[in-house]
N, C-alpha and C. Protein backbone atom coordinates (compact mmCIF):
# COMPACT_ATOMS: atom_id res chain seq x y z
N MET A 1 0.84 -1.20 0.06
CA MET A 1 0.00 0.02 -0.02
C MET A 1 0.71 1.14 -0.05
N GLY A 2 0.55 2.29 -0.78
CA GLY A 2 1.34 3.33 -0.89
C GLY A 2 0.72 4.51 0.21
N GLN A 3 1.23 5.73 -0.15
CA GLN A 3 0.64 6.67 0.90
C GLN A 3 -0.85 6.96 0.50
N ILE A 4 -1.31 7.67 1.41
CA ILE A 4 -2.69 8.16 1.37
C ILE A 4 -2.65 9.47 0.49
N ALA A 5 -3.23 9.66 -0.36
CA ALA A 5 -3.21 10.65 -1.42
C ALA A 5 -3.83 12.00 -0.86
N ASP A 6 -5.20 11.96 -0.35
CA ASP A 6 -5.87 13.18 0.00
C ASP A 6 -6.77 12.73 1.20
N GLU A 7 -7.87 13.67 1.70
CA GLU A 7 -8.56 13.58 2.76
C GLU A 7 -9.58 12.58 2.40
N ALA A 8 -10.04 12.25 1.24
CA ALA A 8 -10.99 11.26 0.98
C ALA A 8 -10.53 9.91 1.26
N GLY A 9 -9.06 9.76 0.83
CA GLY A 9 -8.53 8.52 0.90
C GLY A 9 -8.40 8.24 2.51
N TYR A 10 -7.77 9.29 3.11
CA TYR A 10 -7.86 9.16 4.68
C TYR A 10 -9.12 8.62 5.22
N GLN A 11 -10.14 9.35 4.92
CA GLN A 11 -11.54 8.91 5.46
C GLN A 11 -12.02 7.44 5.10
N LYS A 12 -11.51 7.14 3.87
CA LYS A 12 -11.81 5.65 3.29
C LYS A 12 -11.13 4.69 4.21
N SER A 13 -9.86 4.97 4.41
CA SER A 13 -8.87 4.19 5.37
C SER A 13 -9.57 3.99 6.62
N LEU A 14 -9.92 5.10 7.27
CA LEU A 14 -10.51 5.02 8.44
C LEU A 14 -11.67 3.98 8.69
N GLU A 15 -12.57 4.34 7.35
CA GLU A 15 -13.79 3.44 7.48
C GLU A 15 -13.35 1.86 7.44
N TRP A 16 -12.27 1.64 6.53
CA TRP A 16 -11.87 0.09 6.42
C TRP A 16 -11.54 -0.25 7.75
N LEU A 17 -10.59 0.55 8.40
CA LEU A 17 -10.26 0.03 9.79
C LEU A 17 -11.48 -0.34 10.72
N VAL A 18 -12.29 0.47 10.69
CA VAL A 18 -13.44 0.37 11.55
C VAL A 18 -14.34 -0.90 11.05
N SER A 19 -14.34 -1.18 9.82
CA SER A 19 -15.14 -2.42 9.32
C SER A 19 -14.35 -3.63 9.60
N LYS A 20 -13.26 -3.51 9.49
CA LYS A 20 -12.39 -4.88 9.63
C LYS A 20 -12.10 -5.15 11.35
N ALA A 21 -12.24 -4.17 12.24
CA ALA A 21 -11.84 -4.46 13.41
C ALA A 21 -12.76 -5.62 14.28
N PRO A 22 -14.08 -5.80 13.97
CA PRO A 22 -14.73 -6.98 14.47
C PRO A 22 -14.30 -8.12 13.95
N LYS A 23 -13.81 -8.23 12.70
CA LYS A 23 -13.32 -9.41 11.96
C LYS A 23 -12.09 -9.82 12.91
N LEU A 24 -11.42 -9.18 13.39
CA LEU A 24 -9.95 -9.51 14.08
C LEU A 24 -10.46 -10.08 15.34
N ASP A 25 -11.70 -9.93 15.94
CA ASP A 25 -12.01 -10.53 17.26
C ASP A 25 -12.94 -11.71 17.09
N ASP A 26 -13.16 -12.05 15.81
CA ASP A 26 -14.12 -13.11 15.49
C ASP A 26 -13.33 -14.40 15.85
N PRO A 27 -13.64 -15.28 16.67
CA PRO A 27 -13.16 -16.52 17.14
C PRO A 27 -13.28 -17.53 16.01
N LEU A 28 -14.10 -17.38 15.04
CA LEU A 28 -14.34 -18.29 14.14
C LEU A 28 -13.55 -18.29 12.72
N ILE A 29 -12.89 -17.16 12.48
CA ILE A 29 -12.17 -16.82 11.38
C ILE A 29 -10.81 -17.72 11.30
N ASP A 30 -10.49 -18.20 10.22
CA ASP A 30 -9.32 -19.12 10.09
C ASP A 30 -8.03 -18.30 10.54
N GLU A 31 -7.15 -19.02 11.06
CA GLU A 31 -5.87 -18.16 11.58
C GLU A 31 -5.08 -17.52 10.69
N SER A 32 -4.98 -18.38 9.46
CA SER A 32 -4.27 -17.78 8.37
C SER A 32 -4.82 -16.54 7.78
N ALA A 33 -6.20 -16.43 7.63
CA ALA A 33 -6.88 -15.41 7.12
C ALA A 33 -6.81 -14.16 8.32
N LYS A 34 -6.85 -14.62 9.58
CA LYS A 34 -6.78 -13.47 10.66
C LYS A 34 -5.47 -13.04 10.63
N THR A 35 -4.42 -13.81 10.41
CA THR A 35 -2.87 -13.15 10.49
C THR A 35 -2.75 -12.23 9.25
N LYS A 36 -3.42 -12.74 8.17
CA LYS A 36 -3.25 -11.80 6.91
C LYS A 36 -3.85 -10.48 7.11
N LEU A 37 -5.21 -10.55 7.69
CA LEU A 37 -6.09 -9.35 7.91
C LEU A 37 -5.17 -8.62 8.97
N ARG A 38 -4.66 -9.16 9.94
CA ARG A 38 -4.12 -8.49 11.06
C ARG A 38 -2.97 -7.55 10.33
N GLU A 39 -2.14 -8.17 9.60
CA GLU A 39 -0.90 -7.56 8.87
C GLU A 39 -1.34 -6.31 7.92
N ASN A 40 -2.58 -6.53 7.15
CA ASN A 40 -3.11 -5.37 6.61
C ASN A 40 -3.70 -4.42 7.46
N TYR A 41 -4.18 -4.79 8.57
CA TYR A 41 -4.94 -3.69 9.32
C TYR A 41 -3.67 -2.83 10.00
N ASP A 42 -2.60 -3.60 10.46
CA ASP A 42 -1.39 -2.72 10.96
C ASP A 42 -0.88 -1.90 9.90
N LEU A 43 -0.87 -2.37 8.57
CA LEU A 43 -0.19 -1.42 7.57
C LEU A 43 -1.17 -0.22 7.46
N VAL A 44 -2.36 -0.45 7.27
CA VAL A 44 -3.41 0.48 6.97
C VAL A 44 -3.29 1.62 8.05
N SER A 45 -3.32 0.90 9.35
CA SER A 45 -3.33 1.83 10.54
C SER A 45 -2.04 2.79 10.81
N ALA A 46 -0.71 2.11 10.23
CA ALA A 46 0.48 2.87 10.21
C ALA A 46 0.41 3.92 9.08
N LYS A 47 -0.22 3.73 8.16
CA LYS A 47 -0.43 4.84 7.08
C LYS A 47 -1.34 5.95 7.50
N VAL A 48 -2.29 5.49 8.10
CA VAL A 48 -3.26 6.58 8.59
C VAL A 48 -2.58 7.37 9.44
N LYS A 49 -1.68 6.89 10.40
CA LYS A 49 -0.99 7.74 11.38
C LYS A 49 0.06 8.52 10.66
N GLU A 50 0.64 8.11 9.77
CA GLU A 50 1.71 8.98 9.13
C GLU A 50 0.98 10.10 8.40
N TYR A 51 -0.21 9.77 7.72
CA TYR A 51 -0.74 10.90 7.09
C TYR A 51 -1.29 11.90 8.02
N ARG A 52 -1.72 11.67 9.09
CA ARG A 52 -2.09 12.67 9.97
C ARG A 52 -0.92 13.21 10.76
N ARG A 53 -0.01 12.54 11.12
CA ARG A 53 1.20 13.42 11.46
C ARG A 53 1.81 14.18 10.23
N GLY A 54 1.74 13.80 8.92
CA GLY A 54 1.95 14.90 7.99
C GLY A 54 1.19 16.09 7.98
N GLU A 55 -0.06 16.05 8.06
CA GLU A 55 -1.04 16.93 8.23
C GLU A 55 -0.52 17.86 9.37
N LEU A 56 -0.17 17.61 10.50
CA LEU A 56 0.25 18.44 11.57
C LEU A 56 1.63 18.89 11.29
N VAL A 57 2.43 18.37 10.57
CA VAL A 57 3.78 18.86 10.36
C VAL A 57 3.62 20.09 9.29
N ALA A 58 2.56 19.82 8.23
CA ALA A 58 2.36 20.93 7.44
C ALA A 58 1.72 22.23 8.25
N LYS A 59 0.95 21.86 9.28
CA LYS A 59 0.48 22.87 10.06
C LYS A 59 1.32 23.48 11.08
N PHE A 60 2.05 22.77 11.72
CA PHE A 60 3.11 23.19 12.70
C PHE A 60 4.42 22.69 12.43
N PRO A 61 5.13 23.23 11.63
CA PRO A 61 6.53 22.82 11.14
C PRO A 61 7.54 22.47 12.27
N GLY A 62 7.48 22.99 13.39
CA GLY A 62 8.26 22.52 14.64
C GLY A 62 8.17 20.98 14.95
N LEU A 63 7.09 20.57 14.70
CA LEU A 63 6.87 19.08 14.88
C LEU A 63 7.67 18.19 14.05
N LYS A 64 8.35 18.54 12.95
CA LYS A 64 9.03 17.92 11.87
C LYS A 64 10.15 17.25 12.73
N GLU A 65 10.97 18.23 13.67
CA GLU A 65 12.22 17.88 14.31
C GLU A 65 11.85 16.95 15.51
N GLN A 66 10.56 17.08 16.07
CA GLN A 66 10.15 16.27 17.23
C GLN A 66 9.88 15.04 16.86
N TYR A 67 9.22 14.81 15.71
CA TYR A 67 8.95 13.44 15.27
C TYR A 67 10.20 12.50 14.82
N LYS A 68 11.10 13.36 14.28
CA LYS A 68 12.43 12.79 13.99
C LYS A 68 13.26 12.29 15.07
N ILE A 69 13.18 13.18 16.36
CA ILE A 69 13.83 12.63 17.60
C ILE A 69 13.06 11.51 18.15
N LEU A 70 11.63 11.45 18.02
CA LEU A 70 10.98 10.10 18.52
C LEU A 70 11.00 9.02 17.49
N GLY A 71 11.56 9.35 16.34
CA GLY A 71 11.50 8.00 15.38
C GLY A 71 10.31 7.79 14.61
N TRP A 72 9.37 8.84 14.70
CA TRP A 72 8.12 8.65 14.10
C TRP A 72 8.04 9.06 12.65
N ALA A 73 7.71 8.16 11.79
CA ALA A 73 7.48 8.41 10.37
C ALA A 73 6.25 9.32 10.13
N TYR A 74 6.32 10.21 9.31
CA TYR A 74 5.26 11.18 8.82
C TYR A 74 5.33 11.27 7.29
N GLN A 75 4.04 11.53 6.63
CA GLN A 75 4.11 11.67 5.39
C GLN A 75 4.32 13.29 4.85
N GLU A 76 5.09 13.54 3.89
CA GLU A 76 5.44 14.72 3.33
C GLU A 76 4.16 15.11 2.53
N MET A 77 3.61 16.23 2.82
CA MET A 77 2.45 16.85 2.27
C MET A 77 2.73 17.72 1.28
N ALA A 78 2.29 17.74 0.30
CA ALA A 78 2.08 18.70 -0.72
C ALA A 78 1.11 19.80 -0.37
N PRO A 79 1.77 21.02 -0.76
CA PRO A 79 0.74 22.24 -0.20
C PRO A 79 -0.59 22.10 -1.09
N GLN A 80 -1.83 22.38 -0.16
CA GLN A 80 -3.02 22.27 -0.52
C GLN A 80 -3.46 23.68 -1.09
N PRO A 81 -4.35 23.86 -2.09
CA PRO A 81 -4.78 25.13 -2.52
C PRO A 81 -5.43 25.90 -1.59
N GLU A 82 -6.14 25.25 -0.47
CA GLU A 82 -6.57 26.11 0.48
C GLU A 82 -5.58 26.76 1.44
N GLN A 83 -4.41 25.89 1.54
CA GLN A 83 -3.48 26.48 2.65
C GLN A 83 -2.61 27.56 1.92
N GLN A 84 -2.55 27.53 0.51
CA GLN A 84 -1.71 28.60 -0.05
C GLN A 84 -2.51 29.86 -0.19
N ALA A 85 -3.97 29.81 -0.19
CA ALA A 85 -4.86 30.82 -0.27
C ALA A 85 -4.93 31.61 1.26
N SER A 86 -4.84 30.68 2.11
CA SER A 86 -4.98 31.43 3.73
C SER A 86 -3.60 31.97 3.99
N SER A 87 -2.52 31.29 3.38
CA SER A 87 -1.10 31.74 3.96
C SER A 87 -0.77 33.13 3.28
N THR A 88 -1.50 33.62 2.09
CA THR A 88 -1.25 34.68 1.49
C THR A 88 -2.16 35.78 2.01
N VAL A 89 -1.75 36.92 2.72
CA VAL A 89 -2.62 37.85 3.23
C VAL A 89 -2.75 39.04 2.42
N LYS A 90 -4.05 39.45 2.15
CA LYS A 90 -4.37 40.19 1.19
C LYS A 90 -4.97 41.55 1.91
N GLU A 91 -4.35 42.76 1.48
CA GLU A 91 -4.36 43.88 2.21
C GLU A 91 -5.82 44.46 1.74
N VAL A 92 -6.66 44.77 2.64
CA VAL A 92 -8.16 45.42 2.35
C VAL A 92 -8.08 46.90 2.73
N GLU A 93 -8.32 47.72 1.74
CA GLU A 93 -8.49 48.86 2.20
C GLU A 93 -9.51 49.34 3.02
N PRO A 94 -9.47 50.23 4.05
CA PRO A 94 -10.53 50.46 4.92
C PRO A 94 -11.60 51.39 4.30
N THR A 95 -12.70 51.06 4.57
CA THR A 95 -13.75 52.00 3.91
C THR A 95 -13.93 53.03 5.02
N ASN A 96 -14.43 54.27 4.40
CA ASN A 96 -14.75 55.44 5.02
C ASN A 96 -16.29 55.38 5.66
N THR A 97 -16.77 54.34 6.22
CA THR A 97 -18.08 54.50 6.58
C THR A 97 -18.36 54.80 7.95
N PRO A 98 -19.03 55.67 8.24
CA PRO A 98 -19.17 56.02 9.69
C PRO A 98 -19.64 55.10 10.63
N THR A 99 -19.32 54.75 11.79
CA THR A 99 -19.91 54.00 12.74
C THR A 99 -20.60 54.56 13.66
N GLU A 100 -21.75 53.89 14.39
CA GLU A 100 -22.61 54.37 15.25
C GLU A 100 -21.83 54.40 16.72
N PRO A 101 -21.82 55.52 17.39
CA PRO A 101 -21.37 55.45 18.72
C PRO A 101 -22.07 54.45 19.61
N GLU A 102 -21.31 53.96 20.50
CA GLU A 102 -21.82 52.88 21.39
C GLU A 102 -22.80 53.90 22.40
N GLN A 103 -23.84 53.05 22.64
CA GLN A 103 -24.92 53.85 23.72
C GLN A 103 -24.69 53.21 24.99
N ALA A 104 -24.75 53.99 25.94
CA ALA A 104 -24.63 53.56 27.26
C ALA A 104 -26.08 53.03 27.55
N PRO A 105 -26.06 51.79 28.37
CA PRO A 105 -27.38 51.25 28.84
C PRO A 105 -28.49 52.18 29.49
N GLU A 106 -29.59 52.14 29.09
CA GLU A 106 -30.72 53.05 29.52
C GLU A 106 -30.80 53.03 30.96
N THR A 107 -30.78 51.92 31.73
CA THR A 107 -30.98 51.85 33.25
C THR A 107 -29.60 51.08 33.80
N PRO A 108 -28.96 51.53 34.69
CA PRO A 108 -27.88 50.89 35.26
C PRO A 108 -28.41 49.63 35.75
N PRO A 109 -27.59 48.63 35.99
CA PRO A 109 -27.92 47.28 36.43
C PRO A 109 -28.32 47.35 38.04
N GLU A 110 -29.22 46.62 38.38
CA GLU A 110 -29.70 46.81 39.89
C GLU A 110 -28.68 45.95 40.66
N PRO A 111 -28.12 46.60 41.74
CA PRO A 111 -27.39 45.90 42.73
C PRO A 111 -28.07 44.56 43.22
N PRO A 112 -27.10 43.64 43.57
CA PRO A 112 -27.83 42.26 44.12
C PRO A 112 -28.46 42.55 45.52
N GLU A 113 -29.53 41.80 45.61
CA GLU A 113 -30.21 41.86 47.04
C GLU A 113 -29.47 41.28 48.09
N PRO A 114 -29.17 41.89 49.20
CA PRO A 114 -28.37 41.51 50.39
C PRO A 114 -29.17 40.13 50.75
N LYS A 115 -28.18 39.09 51.25
CA LYS A 115 -28.64 37.91 51.62
C LYS A 115 -28.96 38.18 53.07
N PRO A 116 -30.11 37.53 53.78
CA PRO A 116 -30.31 37.93 55.22
C PRO A 116 -29.22 37.02 55.96
N ASP A 117 -28.91 37.50 57.11
CA ASP A 117 -27.87 37.00 57.94
C ASP A 117 -28.61 35.70 58.86
N LEU A 118 -28.43 34.48 58.77
CA LEU A 118 -29.30 33.68 59.50
C LEU A 118 -28.31 33.17 60.64
N SER A 119 -27.15 33.92 60.76
CA SER A 119 -26.48 33.30 62.04
C SER A 119 -26.90 33.79 63.43
N GLY A 120 -27.81 34.71 63.35
CA GLY A 120 -28.36 35.32 64.60
C GLY A 120 -29.11 34.21 65.50
N TRP A 121 -29.61 33.25 64.92
CA TRP A 121 -30.31 32.17 65.91
C TRP A 121 -29.29 31.40 66.73
N LEU A 122 -27.92 31.62 66.32
CA LEU A 122 -26.86 30.69 67.01
C LEU A 122 -26.51 31.35 68.42
N ASP A 123 -26.70 32.75 68.59
CA ASP A 123 -26.64 33.39 69.84
C ASP A 123 -27.34 33.17 70.97
């Protein structure tokens, strides 16, 4: 299995993992089939983790060094069109529209009522 290409592939891999998990617990499944399924499950699980770590590295570049220290693999992500658009800041010219001044509330808030002192009965 290669790398996960996009978010749709990531979601599809997660769905596959969820659908195959009960089969791993099935006591009636043949041992050779269970072993092969477990190997595929572990491989897909590792690829899902690598994809997620790659997303985090793209968002937070400082994690790249931390993952290398920990020895964790991550998938190199190609820049997404949405990420490129959000990373470029466009300057917007301010408009000259007047704003309404903030108005003070009509009545001040009422002070809270004092609580009665019930300790008088102790005397």
